C-alpha atoms as a PDB file:
ATOM      1  CA  UNK A   1      -3.303 -38.121 -59.258  1.00  0.00           C
ATOM      2  CA  UNK A   2      -1.848 -41.592 -59.501  1.00  0.00           C
ATOM      3  CA  UNK A   3      -1.379 -43.851 -56.524  1.00  0.00           C
ATOM      4  CA  UNK A   4       1.933 -45.646 -56.380  1.00  0.00           C
ATOM      5  CA  UNK A   5       2.519 -48.801 -54.403  1.00  0.00           C
ATOM      6  CA  UNK A   6       4.240 -46.922 -51.605  1.00  0.00           C
ATOM      7  CA  UNK A   7       1.350 -44.451 -51.262  1.00  0.00           C
ATOM      8  CA  UNK A   8      -1.176 -47.297 -51.066  1.00  0.00           C
ATOM      9  CA  UNK A   9       0.940 -49.014 -48.390  1.00  0.00           C
ATOM     10  CA  UNK A  10       1.225 -45.760 -46.414  1.00  0.00           C
ATOM     11  CA  UNK A  11      -2.560 -45.294 -46.537  1.00  0.00           C
ATOM     12  CA  UNK A  12      -3.085 -48.895 -45.386  1.00  0.00           C
ATOM     13  CA  UNK A  13      -0.578 -48.337 -42.557  1.00  0.00           C
ATOM     14  CA  UNK A  14      -2.418 -45.173 -41.520  1.00  0.00           C
ATOM     15  CA  UNK A  15      -5.719 -47.062 -41.426  1.00  0.00           C
ATOM     16  CA  UNK A  16      -4.142 -49.770 -39.257  1.00  0.00           C
ATOM     17  CA  UNK A  17      -2.686 -47.118 -36.925  1.00  0.00           C
ATOM     18  CA  UNK A  18      -6.095 -45.486 -36.516  1.00  0.00           C
ATOM     19  CA  UNK A  19      -7.749 -48.848 -35.854  1.00  0.00           C
ATOM     20  CA  UNK A  20      -5.071 -49.718 -33.292  1.00  0.00           C
ATOM     21  CA  UNK A  21      -5.456 -46.313 -31.623  1.00  0.00           C
ATOM     22  CA  UNK A  22      -9.190 -46.835 -31.215  1.00  0.00           C
ATOM     23  CA  UNK A  23      -8.544 -50.136 -29.450  1.00  0.00           C
ATOM     24  CA  UNK A  24      -9.985 -52.341 -32.167  1.00  0.00           C
ATOM     25  CA  UNK A  25      -8.482 -55.809 -32.346  1.00  0.00           C
ATOM     26  CA  UNK A  26      -8.945 -58.944 -34.393  1.00  0.00           C
ATOM     27  CA  UNK A  27      -8.075 -62.308 -32.843  1.00  0.00           C
ATOM     28  CA  UNK A  28      -4.307 -62.398 -32.164  1.00  0.00           C
ATOM     29  CA  UNK A  29      -3.401 -59.802 -34.804  1.00  0.00           C
ATOM     30  CA  UNK A  30      -1.383 -56.846 -33.522  1.00  0.00           C
ATOM     31  CA  UNK A  31      -2.599 -53.943 -35.667  1.00  0.00           C
ATOM     32  CA  UNK A  32       0.197 -51.636 -34.525  1.00  0.00           C
ATOM     33  CA  UNK A  33       2.885 -54.100 -35.627  1.00  0.00           C
ATOM     34  CA  UNK A  34       1.094 -54.707 -38.922  1.00  0.00           C
ATOM     35  CA  UNK A  35       0.907 -50.951 -39.574  1.00  0.00           C
ATOM     36  CA  UNK A  36       4.580 -50.499 -38.721  1.00  0.00           C
ATOM     37  CA  UNK A  37       5.454 -53.386 -41.031  1.00  0.00           C
ATOM     38  CA  UNK A  38       3.618 -51.753 -43.926  1.00  0.00           C
ATOM     39  CA  UNK A  39       5.236 -48.420 -43.146  1.00  0.00           C
ATOM     40  CA  UNK A  40       8.748 -49.899 -43.143  1.00  0.00           C
ATOM     41  CA  UNK A  41       7.921 -51.755 -46.363  1.00  0.00           C
ATOM     42  CA  UNK A  42       7.360 -48.379 -48.041  1.00  0.00           C
ATOM     43  CA  UNK A  43      11.058 -47.632 -47.441  1.00  0.00           C
ATOM     44  CA  UNK A  44      12.155 -51.025 -48.742  1.00  0.00           C
ATOM     45  CA  UNK A  45      10.235 -51.139 -52.035  1.00  0.00           C
ATOM     46  CA  UNK A  46      11.952 -48.181 -53.798  1.00  0.00           C
ATOM     47  CA  UNK A  47      15.379 -49.564 -52.846  1.00  0.00           C
ATOM     48  CA  UNK A  48      14.882 -53.022 -54.357  1.00  0.00           C
ATOM     49  CA  UNK A  49      16.862 -52.083 -57.458  1.00  0.00           C
ATOM     50  CA  UNK A  50      20.114 -52.036 -55.480  1.00  0.00           C
ATOM     51  CA  UNK A  51      20.474 -54.413 -52.561  1.00  0.00           C
ATOM     52  CA  UNK A  52      22.737 -53.358 -49.711  1.00  0.00           C
ATOM     53  CA  UNK A  53      23.452 -54.820 -46.300  1.00  0.00           C
ATOM     54  CA  UNK A  54      21.252 -52.100 -44.832  1.00  0.00           C
ATOM     55  CA  UNK A  55      18.353 -53.167 -47.048  1.00  0.00           C
ATOM     56  CA  UNK A  56      18.775 -56.798 -45.969  1.00  0.00           C
ATOM     57  CA  UNK A  57      18.519 -55.762 -42.309  1.00  0.00           C
ATOM     58  CA  UNK A  58      15.476 -53.648 -43.200  1.00  0.00           C
ATOM     59  CA  UNK A  59      13.912 -56.705 -44.860  1.00  0.00           C
ATOM     60  CA  UNK A  60      14.508 -58.635 -41.624  1.00  0.00           C
ATOM     61  CA  UNK A  61      12.724 -55.833 -39.799  1.00  0.00           C
ATOM     62  CA  UNK A  62       9.713 -56.141 -42.126  1.00  0.00           C
ATOM     63  CA  UNK A  63       9.643 -59.913 -41.567  1.00  0.00           C
ATOM     64  CA  UNK A  64       9.796 -59.414 -37.795  1.00  0.00           C
ATOM     65  CA  UNK A  65       6.985 -56.828 -37.950  1.00  0.00           C
ATOM     66  CA  UNK A  66       4.894 -59.215 -40.049  1.00  0.00           C
ATOM     67  CA  UNK A  67       5.462 -62.095 -37.626  1.00  0.00           C
ATOM     68  CA  UNK A  68       4.580 -59.899 -34.659  1.00  0.00           C
ATOM     69  CA  UNK A  69       1.553 -58.526 -36.465  1.00  0.00           C
ATOM     70  CA  UNK A  70       0.333 -62.050 -37.165  1.00  0.00           C
ATOM     71  CA  UNK A  71       0.410 -62.823 -33.463  1.00  0.00           C
ATOM     72  CA  UNK A  72       3.700 -64.728 -33.220  1.00  0.00           C
ATOM     73  CA  UNK A  73       5.253 -64.609 -29.763  1.00  0.00           C
ATOM     74  CA  UNK A  74       8.467 -66.069 -28.400  1.00  0.00           C
ATOM     75  CA  UNK A  75       8.611 -66.308 -24.643  1.00  0.00           C
ATOM     76  CA  UNK A  76       8.783 -62.794 -23.189  1.00  0.00           C
ATOM     77  CA  UNK A  77      10.447 -61.074 -26.144  1.00  0.00           C
ATOM     78  CA  UNK A  78       8.730 -57.972 -27.489  1.00  0.00           C
ATOM     79  CA  UNK A  79       8.461 -58.356 -31.271  1.00  0.00           C
ATOM     80  CA  UNK A  80       7.812 -54.668 -31.908  1.00  0.00           C
ATOM     81  CA  UNK A  81      10.948 -53.680 -29.975  1.00  0.00           C
ATOM     82  CA  UNK A  82      13.053 -56.208 -31.901  1.00  0.00           C
ATOM     83  CA  UNK A  83      11.669 -54.979 -35.220  1.00  0.00           C
ATOM     84  CA  UNK A  84      12.287 -51.329 -34.323  1.00  0.00           C
ATOM     85  CA  UNK A  85      15.840 -52.180 -33.263  1.00  0.00           C
ATOM     86  CA  UNK A  86      16.461 -53.870 -36.631  1.00  0.00           C
ATOM     87  CA  UNK A  87      15.050 -50.797 -38.386  1.00  0.00           C
ATOM     88  CA  UNK A  88      17.418 -48.508 -36.459  1.00  0.00           C
ATOM     89  CA  UNK A  89      20.376 -50.795 -37.212  1.00  0.00           C
ATOM     90  CA  UNK A  90      19.537 -50.609 -40.924  1.00  0.00           C
ATOM     91  CA  UNK A  91      19.497 -46.810 -40.713  1.00  0.00           C
ATOM     92  CA  UNK A  92      22.822 -46.703 -38.889  1.00  0.00           C
ATOM     93  CA  UNK A  93      24.548 -49.197 -41.193  1.00  0.00           C
ATOM     94  CA  UNK A  94      23.381 -47.537 -44.393  1.00  0.00           C
ATOM     95  CA  UNK A  95      26.295 -45.113 -44.832  1.00  0.00           C
ATOM     96  CA  UNK A  96      28.927 -47.657 -43.784  1.00  0.00           C
ATOM     97  CA  UNK A  97      28.048 -50.741 -45.836  1.00  0.00           C
ATOM     98  CA  UNK A  98      27.070 -49.424 -49.234  1.00  0.00           C
ATOM     99  CA  UNK A  99      27.850 -52.086 -51.843  1.00  0.00           C
ATOM    100  CA  UNK A 100      27.969 -50.610 -55.362  1.00  0.00           C
END
């Protein structure tokens, strides 16, 4: 059994989800957002060979998850909600903006 990069990221995301579910925290780090960022990154890595508009929006989602996971806040905006919205936009735009 060989572990690919995506499998390692999924395992790390699962560990972060379990730690977040148990209520463990570390300084200002949001473990749920960090786990979601790693999980979304597993979708982005295999698609790096062909960049589409959908993949660019997905990359923005990963950046937003990473910023939220690192403890970045902007007024009363919810970083996880913004990141999830970007993820959904990337899924919806995928079939419409495919650049060969």
